[in-house]
C-alpha atoms as a PDB file:
ATOM      1  CA  MET A   1     130.465  69.219 -14.656  1.00  0.00           C
ATOM      2  CA  ALA A   2     130.542  71.883 -12.189  1.00  0.00           C
ATOM      3  CA  LYS A   3     127.738  73.922 -11.269  1.00  0.00           C
ATOM      4  CA  ILE A   4     127.472  77.603 -10.266  1.00  0.00           C
ATOM      5  CA  THR A   5     126.092  78.087  -6.458  1.00  0.00           C
ATOM      6  CA  SER A   6     123.185  80.814  -5.603  1.00  0.00           C
ATOM      7  CA  LYS A   7     126.604  82.731  -4.267  1.00  0.00           C
ATOM      8  CA  LEU A   8     128.198  82.443  -7.461  1.00  0.00           C
ATOM      9  CA  GLN A   9     130.548  79.680  -6.121  1.00  0.00           C
ATOM     10  CA  VAL A  10     132.051  76.980  -8.303  1.00  0.00           C
ATOM     11  CA  THR A  11     133.800  74.086  -7.076  1.00  0.00           C
ATOM     12  CA  VAL A  12     136.855  72.458  -8.900  1.00  0.00           C
ATOM     13  CA  PRO A  13     136.715  69.304  -9.939  1.00  0.00           C
ATOM     14  CA  LYS A  14     139.171  67.174  -8.268  1.00  0.00           C
ATOM     15  CA  VAL A  15     140.841  65.383 -11.087  1.00  0.00           C
ATOM     16  CA  LEU A  16     141.413  69.307 -12.688  1.00  0.00           C
ATOM     17  CA  ALA A  17     142.871  70.319  -8.737  1.00  0.00           C
ATOM     18  CA  GLU A  18     145.087  67.259  -8.557  1.00  0.00           C
ATOM     19  CA  GLN A  19     146.361  67.651 -12.598  1.00  0.00           C
ATOM     20  CA  PHE A  20     147.248  71.373 -11.843  1.00  0.00           C
ATOM     21  CA  GLY A  21     148.344  71.274  -7.840  1.00  0.00           C
ATOM     22  CA  LEU A  22     145.623  73.676  -6.815  1.00  0.00           C
ATOM     23  CA  ARG A  23     144.883  73.205  -2.938  1.00  0.00           C
ATOM     24  CA  PRO A  24     142.351  74.635  -0.636  1.00  0.00           C
ATOM     25  CA  GLY A  25     143.534  78.304  -0.052  1.00  0.00           C
ATOM     26  CA  ASP A  26     145.141  79.133  -3.775  1.00  0.00           C
ATOM     27  CA  GLU A  27     144.063  81.891  -5.533  1.00  0.00           C
ATOM     28  CA  ILE A  28     142.820  81.540  -8.666  1.00  0.00           C
ATOM     29  CA  ASP A  29     141.975  84.320 -11.653  1.00  0.00           C
ATOM     30  CA  TRP A  30     139.138  84.160 -14.372  1.00  0.00           C
ATOM     31  CA  GLN A  31     139.827  85.788 -17.834  1.00  0.00           C
ATOM     32  CA  ALA A  32     137.413  86.603 -20.762  1.00  0.00           C
ATOM     33  CA  ALA A  33     138.581  84.749 -23.618  1.00  0.00           C
ATOM     34  CA  GLY A  34     136.003  85.390 -26.087  1.00  0.00           C
ATOM     35  CA  ASP A  35     133.036  83.378 -25.672  1.00  0.00           C
ATOM     36  CA  SER A  36     134.510  81.368 -22.966  1.00  0.00           C
ATOM     37  CA  ILE A  37     136.015  81.823 -19.674  1.00  0.00           C
ATOM     38  CA  ARG A  38     139.664  81.104 -18.747  1.00  0.00           C
ATOM     39  CA  ILE A  39     140.627  79.989 -15.230  1.00  0.00           C
ATOM     40  CA  VAL A  40     144.394  80.898 -14.374  1.00  0.00           C
ATOM     41  CA  ARG A  41     146.385  80.278 -11.251  1.00  0.00           C
ATOM     42  CA  SER A  42     147.256  83.634  -9.570  1.00  0.00           C
ATOM     43  CA  GLU A  43     150.687  84.909  -9.848  1.00  0.00           C
ATOM     44  CA  SER A  44     150.562  85.448  -6.058  1.00  0.00           C
ATOM     45  CA  ARG A  45     150.945  81.411  -5.350  1.00  0.00           C
ATOM     46  CA  ARG A  46     153.752  81.046  -3.011  1.00  0.00           C
ATOM     47  CA  ALA A  47     156.711  78.607  -3.396  1.00  0.00           C
ATOM     48  CA  PRO A  48     156.878  75.667  -1.424  1.00  0.00           C
ATOM     49  CA  LEU A  49     158.684  76.072   2.217  1.00  0.00           C
ATOM     50  CA  SER A  50     161.974  74.620   2.373  1.00  0.00           C
ATOM     51  CA  THR A  51     162.715  71.765   4.854  1.00  0.00           C
ATOM     52  CA  GLU A  52     164.485  74.683   7.202  1.00  0.00           C
ATOM     53  CA  GLU A  53     161.327  76.979   7.149  1.00  0.00           C
ATOM     54  CA  ARG A  54     159.226  74.072   7.728  1.00  0.00           C
ATOM     55  CA  LEU A  55     161.491  73.193  10.746  1.00  0.00           C
ATOM     56  CA  SER A  56     161.655  76.504  11.912  1.00  0.00           C
ATOM     57  CA  LEU A  57     157.505  76.928  11.608  1.00  0.00           C
ATOM     58  CA  PHE A  58     157.454  73.454  13.498  1.00  0.00           C
ATOM     59  CA  ASP A  59     159.714  74.583  16.352  1.00  0.00           C
ATOM     60  CA  ARG A  60     157.997  78.055  16.529  1.00  0.00           C
ATOM     61  CA  ALA A  61     154.776  76.219  17.107  1.00  0.00           C
ATOM     62  CA  THR A  62     156.067  73.950  19.478  1.00  0.00           C
ATOM     63  CA  ALA A  63     157.253  76.741  21.516  1.00  0.00           C
ATOM     64  CA  ARG A  64     153.921  78.436  21.766  1.00  0.00           C
ATOM     65  CA  GLN A  65     152.225  75.192  22.360  1.00  0.00           C
ATOM     66  CA  ARG A  66     154.572  74.558  25.504  1.00  0.00           C
ATOM     67  CA  GLN A  67     153.885  78.077  26.803  1.00  0.00           C
ATOM     68  CA  ARG A  68     149.936  77.318  26.772  1.00  0.00           C
ATOM     69  CA  GLU A  69     150.639  74.179  28.354  1.00  0.00           C
ATOM     70  CA  ARG A  70     152.600  75.879  31.393  1.00  0.00           C
ATOM     71  CA  ARG A  71     149.945  78.557  31.771  1.00  0.00           C
ATOM     72  CA  ARG A  72     147.260  75.880  32.257  1.00  0.00           C
ATOM     73  CA  GLY A  73     149.142  74.301  34.770  1.00  0.00           C
ATOM     74  CA  PRO A  74     149.479  70.098  35.052  1.00  0.00           C
ATOM     75  CA  ALA A  75     147.391  68.111  32.805  1.00  0.00           C
ATOM     76  CA  LYS A  76     144.589  65.822  34.334  1.00  0.00           C
ATOM     77  CA  THR A  77     145.739  62.077  34.640  1.00  0.00           C
ATOM     78  CA  SER A  78     143.184  59.427  33.121  1.00  0.00           C
ATOM     79  CA  ARG A  79     142.872  58.293  36.911  1.00  0.00           C
ATOM     80  CA  SER A  80     140.535  61.234  37.411  1.00  0.00           C
ATOM     81  CA  ARG A  81     137.751  59.461  34.729  1.00  0.00           C
ATOM     82  CA  GLY A  82     137.440  56.659  36.906  1.00  0.00           C
ATOM     83  CA  TRP A  83     138.311  54.323  33.524  1.00  0.00           C
ATOM     84  CA  SER A  84     141.445  53.721  31.073  1.00  0.00           C
ATOM     85  CA  ARG A  85     141.670  53.418  27.659  1.00  0.00           C
ATOM     86  CA  SER A  86     141.853  49.560  27.633  1.00  0.00           C
ATOM     87  CA  ASP A  87     138.621  49.408  29.611  1.00  0.00           C
ATOM     88  CA  ALA A  88     136.845  51.204  26.714  1.00  0.00           C
ATOM     89  CA  TYR A  89     138.304  48.489  24.079  1.00  0.00           C
ATOM     90  CA  ARG A  90     137.044  45.962  26.184  1.00  0.00           C
ATOM     91  CA  ARG A  91     133.539  47.166  26.996  1.00  0.00           C
ATOM     92  CA  GLY A  92     130.535  45.467  25.516  1.00  0.00           C
ATOM     93  CA  ARG A  93     132.765  42.123  24.738  1.00  0.00           C
ATOM     94  CA  ALA A  94     132.146  39.015  26.647  1.00  0.00           C
ATOM     95  CA  ARG A  95     134.594  38.143  29.216  1.00  0.00           C
END
């Protein structure tokens, strides 16, 4: 059972969200239906992206990340902190 918060918000039960393919960010419409309220998926729902569209978005994000890395300069090496990742895993164990 869902409850209405003080901000008049309602959480959709996980079972129903999975059954109807609702995800965070999806829009829903509320319709009066006599003595009931009907929740309907908004018409503005986007169709899933094709593989080509997803790859294009990934390529653009990768290019932006490379530009940021070039502006920042070379990355710091793990040697500057005085310990390595394997040291962290051995910490606290009997030697």
